[in-house]
Protein backbone atom coordinates (compact mmCIF):
# COMPACT_ATOMS: atom_id res chain seq x y z
CA MET A 1 103.29 107.27 85.23
CA GLY A 2 102.77 109.46 88.33
CA PHE A 3 100.19 112.18 88.77
CA LYS A 4 101.49 115.72 89.11
CA ILE A 5 99.31 118.13 91.08
CA TYR A 6 99.78 120.95 88.55
CA ASN A 7 98.39 118.74 85.72
CA CYS A 8 95.32 117.57 87.64
CA GLU A 9 91.71 118.60 87.95
CA PHE A 10 89.78 117.69 91.05
CA GLY A 11 86.13 117.54 91.90
CA PHE A 12 83.14 115.37 92.71
CA LYS A 13 79.88 114.21 91.24
CA LYS A 14 76.63 114.33 93.22
CA ASN A 15 73.37 113.12 91.74
CA GLY A 16 74.86 113.25 88.25
CA VAL A 17 76.06 116.88 88.62
CA SER A 18 79.81 117.63 88.45
CA TYR A 19 81.39 120.16 90.82
CA SER A 20 85.03 121.11 90.50
CA PHE A 21 87.51 122.12 93.17
CA PRO A 22 89.19 125.28 91.76
CA ASP A 23 92.41 125.34 93.79
CA VAL A 24 93.70 122.13 95.32
CA ASP A 25 96.90 122.12 97.38
CA GLU A 26 97.47 118.36 97.53
CA LEU A 27 95.76 114.96 97.61
CA GLN A 28 96.61 112.55 100.45
CA ILE A 29 95.41 108.99 99.97
CA GLU A 30 95.30 106.48 102.85
CA ASP A 31 94.72 102.84 101.98
CA PRO A 32 94.62 100.63 105.08
CA GLU A 33 94.57 97.37 103.04
CA ARG A 34 97.87 95.48 103.51
CA ASN A 35 99.32 92.04 102.83
CA ARG A 36 100.79 90.73 106.08
CA LEU A 37 102.62 87.68 107.30
CA THR A 38 102.07 85.53 110.35
CA ARG A 39 103.19 82.09 111.58
CA GLY A 40 102.61 79.82 114.51
CA SER A 41 104.35 80.35 117.84
CA ASN A 42 106.71 77.44 117.26
CA ALA A 43 108.20 79.35 114.27
CA THR A 44 108.81 76.29 112.10
CA ASN A 45 107.25 77.97 109.05
CA LYS A 46 110.13 80.10 107.70
CA GLU A 47 108.04 81.54 104.81
CA GLY A 48 105.04 82.66 106.86
CA ILE A 49 101.35 82.63 106.05
CA VAL A 50 100.05 85.55 103.96
CA TYR A 51 96.86 87.24 105.03
CA ARG A 52 95.18 90.57 104.17
CA ASP A 53 94.64 93.17 106.89
CA GLY A 54 92.54 96.39 106.85
CA LEU A 55 89.67 95.09 104.77
CA LYS A 56 87.11 96.49 107.20
CA ASP A 57 88.57 100.01 107.09
CA PRO A 58 87.69 102.44 104.26
CA LYS A 59 90.16 104.23 102.03
CA ARG A 60 90.51 107.91 102.85
CA TRP A 61 91.20 110.95 100.67
CA THR A 62 92.17 114.29 102.24
CA ILE A 63 91.98 117.30 99.89
CA PRO A 64 92.80 120.87 101.05
CA ILE A 65 90.79 123.39 98.98
CA LEU A 66 91.88 127.01 98.70
CA GLU A 67 89.41 129.86 98.31
CA MET A 68 86.32 127.67 98.16
CA SER A 69 83.24 129.56 97.07
CA VAL A 70 80.30 129.91 99.41
CA ALA A 71 78.06 128.14 96.84
CA LEU A 72 80.38 125.05 96.77
CA LYS A 73 80.59 125.06 100.56
CA GLU A 74 76.80 125.01 100.78
CA VAL A 75 76.62 122.03 98.44
CA LEU A 76 79.17 120.20 100.58
CA ASP A 77 77.46 121.19 103.84
CA GLY A 78 74.27 119.58 102.45
CA ALA A 79 76.21 116.47 101.40
CA PHE A 80 77.65 116.17 104.93
CA ALA A 81 74.34 116.78 106.69
CA ASN A 82 72.50 114.23 104.53
CA ALA A 83 75.40 111.70 104.35
CA ASP A 84 75.12 111.85 100.56
CA ARG A 85 77.25 109.52 98.42
CA LEU A 86 79.72 111.32 96.17
CA ASP A 87 82.12 110.21 93.44
CA VAL A 88 85.31 112.15 94.04
CA TYR A 89 87.88 112.35 91.24
CA CYS A 90 91.33 113.45 90.18
CA VAL A 91 91.97 113.65 86.39
CA ASP A 92 95.37 114.22 84.80
CA ARG A 93 94.73 116.77 82.01
CA THR A 94 97.85 115.67 80.04
CA ASN A 95 96.91 112.05 79.43
CA GLY A 96 93.48 111.37 80.92
CA SER A 97 94.62 109.14 83.76
CA THR A 98 92.11 109.13 86.61
CA LYS A 99 91.74 108.35 90.30
CA TRP A 100 88.23 107.85 91.68
CA LEU A 101 86.82 107.40 95.14
CA ARG A 102 83.37 106.04 94.38
CA SER A 103 80.32 106.24 96.68
CA ALA A 104 82.31 108.28 99.19
CA VAL A 105 80.97 110.15 102.20
CA LEU A 106 82.28 113.44 103.48
CA CYS A 107 83.74 112.64 106.91
CA ASN A 108 83.45 116.01 108.61
CA ALA A 109 81.65 119.26 107.98
CA PRO A 110 83.59 121.62 105.70
CA GLN A 111 85.09 124.35 107.87
CA GLN A 112 87.06 127.46 107.14
CA LEU A 113 90.63 126.85 108.32
CA THR A 114 91.76 130.46 108.34
CA LEU A 115 89.90 133.73 108.80
CA ASP A 116 90.34 136.62 106.41
CA ALA A 117 88.47 139.71 105.27
CA THR A 118 86.20 138.13 102.63
CA PRO A 119 83.63 135.39 103.10
CA GLU A 120 84.16 134.30 99.47
CA SER A 121 87.63 132.97 100.09
CA MET A 122 87.53 130.00 102.45
CA ASN A 123 90.35 127.56 102.98
CA VAL A 124 88.79 124.17 103.70
CA SER A 125 90.22 120.70 104.16
CA LEU A 126 87.90 117.94 102.94
CA GLU A 127 88.12 114.32 104.02
CA PHE A 128 86.29 111.56 102.13
CA GLU A 129 85.96 107.83 102.90
CA SER A 130 84.90 104.90 100.73
CA PHE A 131 85.58 101.24 100.11
CA ARG A 132 85.63 101.78 96.35
CA SER A 133 88.90 103.27 95.06
CA GLU A 134 89.78 103.11 91.35
CA GLU A 135 92.75 104.16 89.27
CA VAL A 136 93.07 104.14 85.50
CA LEU A 137 96.56 104.96 84.13
CA LYS A 138 97.07 105.96 80.53
CA GLU A 139 100.27 106.55 78.57
């Protein structure tokens, strides 16, 4: 059932155009939405009252990209500067299962994390936020 990083393709769609991330190190997903329990101060309710917390906070994907091309960085710089909405995806090549972060925004400007001799190889960590997270699992 689980996604394996070595079976997955990553990328995003902007204005109907697909861009792929060539070398992804990992995908970290943060979902602040939680079911919580509470009860009155007199503590007579032993079961507790269920409520949902974190509904106002977006879901967050963090994706480190290795050797990002300058052309892809320029597309992402523009998406950050214009606060463009992107559909970010992870697709399992073995069975077609998908994870989507729809109408996401890029949280911070893509920046090179390490310096090396060539401008073509940039290591960049991308952070996306959205309220629309989808997952479709296939056998």
